[in-house]
Amino acid sequence: MSLREALEQSRLLTLAVLAGMAWIAFTVVQLLGKINYWSPADVGQTAGAGVVGLLVLAAVILLSLVLFSGLGHDEPTADTWPPEDADDVA
């Protein structure tokens, strides 16, 4: 299944996942801008919390990419039963 086939079969779900990925990428850019690397504070939004947030968002993006890599397979279904090959029949 390709991304084009996924859009044909479930346009709303595919667009929702793509919008979610774009929102996460936008959030990563915002978070990178908010981390104060040079004079970290002891209270509030610390650099450590920002790094943990970036790691979580990176994991979500990675899982989303794994989801879309599954769309590249031509045959996601299991083998048919009974087998159709004449060589397998005894």
C-alpha atoms as a PDB file:
ATOM      1  CA  MET A   1       0.000   0.000   0.000  1.00  0.00           C
ATOM      2  CA  SER A   2       1.307   3.414  -0.893  1.00  0.00           C
ATOM      3  CA  LEU A   3       0.522   6.788   0.609  1.00  0.00           C
ATOM      4  CA  ARG A   4      -1.687   7.485  -2.402  1.00  0.00           C
ATOM      5  CA  GLU A   5      -3.691   4.300  -1.759  1.00  0.00           C
ATOM      6  CA  ALA A   6      -3.964   5.181   1.925  1.00  0.00           C
ATOM      7  CA  LEU A   7      -5.374   8.583   0.984  1.00  0.00           C
ATOM      8  CA  GLU A   8      -7.890   6.910  -1.326  1.00  0.00           C
ATOM      9  CA  GLN A   9      -9.030   4.406   1.300  1.00  0.00           C
ATOM     10  CA  SER A  10      -9.083   6.648   4.378  1.00  0.00           C
ATOM     11  CA  ARG A  11      -8.435  10.250   3.501  1.00  0.00           C
ATOM     12  CA  LEU A  12      -9.454  11.661   6.897  1.00  0.00           C
ATOM     13  CA  LEU A  13      -7.258   9.305   8.927  1.00  0.00           C
ATOM     14  CA  THR A  14      -4.212   9.782   6.683  1.00  0.00           C
ATOM     15  CA  LEU A  15      -4.540  13.568   6.719  1.00  0.00           C
ATOM     16  CA  ALA A  16      -5.004  13.523  10.505  1.00  0.00           C
ATOM     17  CA  VAL A  17      -1.772  11.555  10.971  1.00  0.00           C
ATOM     18  CA  LEU A  18       0.116  13.861   8.601  1.00  0.00           C
ATOM     19  CA  ALA A  19      -1.259  16.931  10.414  1.00  0.00           C
ATOM     20  CA  GLY A  20      -0.205  15.419  13.724  1.00  0.00           C
ATOM     21  CA  MET A  21       3.317  14.853  12.447  1.00  0.00           C
ATOM     22  CA  ALA A  22       3.492  18.458  11.205  1.00  0.00           C
ATOM     23  CA  TRP A  23       2.231  19.733  14.563  1.00  0.00           C
ATOM     24  CA  ILE A  24       4.876  17.703  16.406  1.00  0.00           C
ATOM     25  CA  ALA A  25       7.629  19.049  14.128  1.00  0.00           C
ATOM     26  CA  PHE A  26       6.384  22.602  14.789  1.00  0.00           C
ATOM     27  CA  THR A  27       6.375  21.903  18.542  1.00  0.00           C
ATOM     28  CA  VAL A  28       9.968  20.636  18.358  1.00  0.00           C
ATOM     29  CA  VAL A  29      11.056  23.881  16.699  1.00  0.00           C
ATOM     30  CA  GLN A  30       9.257  25.930  19.368  1.00  0.00           C
ATOM     31  CA  LEU A  31      10.792  23.853  22.149  1.00  0.00           C
ATOM     32  CA  LEU A  32      14.277  24.276  20.749  1.00  0.00           C
ATOM     33  CA  GLY A  33      13.781  28.035  20.843  1.00  0.00           C
ATOM     34  CA  LYS A  34      12.599  28.047  24.451  1.00  0.00           C
ATOM     35  CA  ILE A  35      15.453  26.054  26.001  1.00  0.00           C
ATOM     36  CA  ASN A  36      17.880  28.359  27.786  1.00  0.00           C
ATOM     37  CA  TYR A  37      21.184  26.505  27.383  1.00  0.00           C
ATOM     38  CA  TRP A  38      23.586  29.116  28.731  1.00  0.00           C
ATOM     39  CA  SER A  39      21.942  30.226  31.964  1.00  0.00           C
ATOM     40  CA  PRO A  40      19.693  27.403  33.137  1.00  0.00           C
ATOM     41  CA  ALA A  41      17.194  28.171  35.892  1.00  0.00           C
ATOM     42  CA  ASP A  42      16.605  26.038  38.960  1.00  0.00           C
ATOM     43  CA  VAL A  43      12.851  26.595  38.915  1.00  0.00           C
ATOM     44  CA  GLY A  44      10.381  26.398  36.031  1.00  0.00           C
ATOM     45  CA  GLN A  45      11.279  25.255  32.541  1.00  0.00           C
ATOM     46  CA  THR A  46      14.775  23.862  32.874  1.00  0.00           C
ATOM     47  CA  ALA A  47      17.083  22.678  30.113  1.00  0.00           C
ATOM     48  CA  GLY A  48      16.758  19.110  31.396  1.00  0.00           C
ATOM     49  CA  ALA A  49      12.987  19.187  31.032  1.00  0.00           C
ATOM     50  CA  GLY A  50      13.385  20.561  27.505  1.00  0.00           C
ATOM     51  CA  VAL A  51      15.757  17.765  26.542  1.00  0.00           C
ATOM     52  CA  VAL A  52      13.351  15.154  27.911  1.00  0.00           C
ATOM     53  CA  GLY A  53      10.549  16.774  25.924  1.00  0.00           C
ATOM     54  CA  LEU A  54      12.647  16.655  22.776  1.00  0.00           C
ATOM     55  CA  LEU A  55      13.377  12.964  23.336  1.00  0.00           C
ATOM     56  CA  VAL A  56       9.689  12.166  23.747  1.00  0.00           C
ATOM     57  CA  LEU A  57       8.754  14.124  20.633  1.00  0.00           C
ATOM     58  CA  ALA A  58      11.557  12.422  18.677  1.00  0.00           C
ATOM     59  CA  ALA A  59      10.187   9.031  19.741  1.00  0.00           C
ATOM     60  CA  VAL A  60       6.696  10.002  18.565  1.00  0.00           C
ATOM     61  CA  ILE A  61       8.053  11.167  15.205  1.00  0.00           C
ATOM     62  CA  LEU A  62      10.030   7.929  14.865  1.00  0.00           C
ATOM     63  CA  LEU A  63       6.930   5.836  15.565  1.00  0.00           C
ATOM     64  CA  SER A  64       4.979   7.884  13.010  1.00  0.00           C
ATOM     65  CA  LEU A  65       7.653   7.254  10.402  1.00  0.00           C
ATOM     66  CA  VAL A  66       7.502   3.528  11.173  1.00  0.00           C
ATOM     67  CA  LEU A  67       3.734   3.743  10.634  1.00  0.00           C
ATOM     68  CA  PHE A  68       4.230   5.301   7.205  1.00  0.00           C
ATOM     69  CA  SER A  69       7.023   2.892   6.268  1.00  0.00           C
ATOM     70  CA  GLY A  70       4.435   0.116   6.510  1.00  0.00           C
ATOM     71  CA  LEU A  71       2.518   1.803   3.694  1.00  0.00           C
ATOM     72  CA  GLY A  72       5.289   0.918   1.250  1.00  0.00           C
ATOM     73  CA  HIS A  73       4.635  -2.818   1.320  1.00  0.00           C
ATOM     74  CA  ASP A  74       2.835  -4.224  -1.683  1.00  0.00           C
ATOM     75  CA  GLU A  75       1.238  -7.140   0.106  1.00  0.00           C
ATOM     76  CA  PRO A  76       0.386  -6.534   3.763  1.00  0.00           C
ATOM     77  CA  THR A  77      -2.006  -9.511   3.969  1.00  0.00           C
ATOM     78  CA  ALA A  78      -1.279 -13.053   5.079  1.00  0.00           C
ATOM     79  CA  ASP A  79      -0.891 -15.959   2.682  1.00  0.00           C
ATOM     80  CA  THR A  80      -4.077 -17.539   1.350  1.00  0.00           C
ATOM     81  CA  TRP A  81      -5.325 -20.817   2.752  1.00  0.00           C
ATOM     82  CA  PRO A  82      -5.447 -23.403   1.308  1.00  0.00           C
ATOM     83  CA  PRO A  83      -2.307 -22.854  -0.729  1.00  0.00           C
ATOM     84  CA  GLU A  84      -2.892 -22.389  -4.426  1.00  0.00           C
ATOM     85  CA  ASP A  85       0.330 -24.076  -5.582  1.00  0.00           C
ATOM     86  CA  ALA A  86      -0.171 -27.494  -7.182  1.00  0.00           C
ATOM     87  CA  ASP A  87       3.270 -28.624  -5.963  1.00  0.00           C
ATOM     88  CA  ASP A  88       2.192 -28.456  -2.309  1.00  0.00           C
ATOM     89  CA  VAL A  89      -0.807 -30.785  -2.786  1.00  0.00           C
ATOM     90  CA  ALA A  90      -0.027 -34.405  -1.863  1.00  0.00           C
END
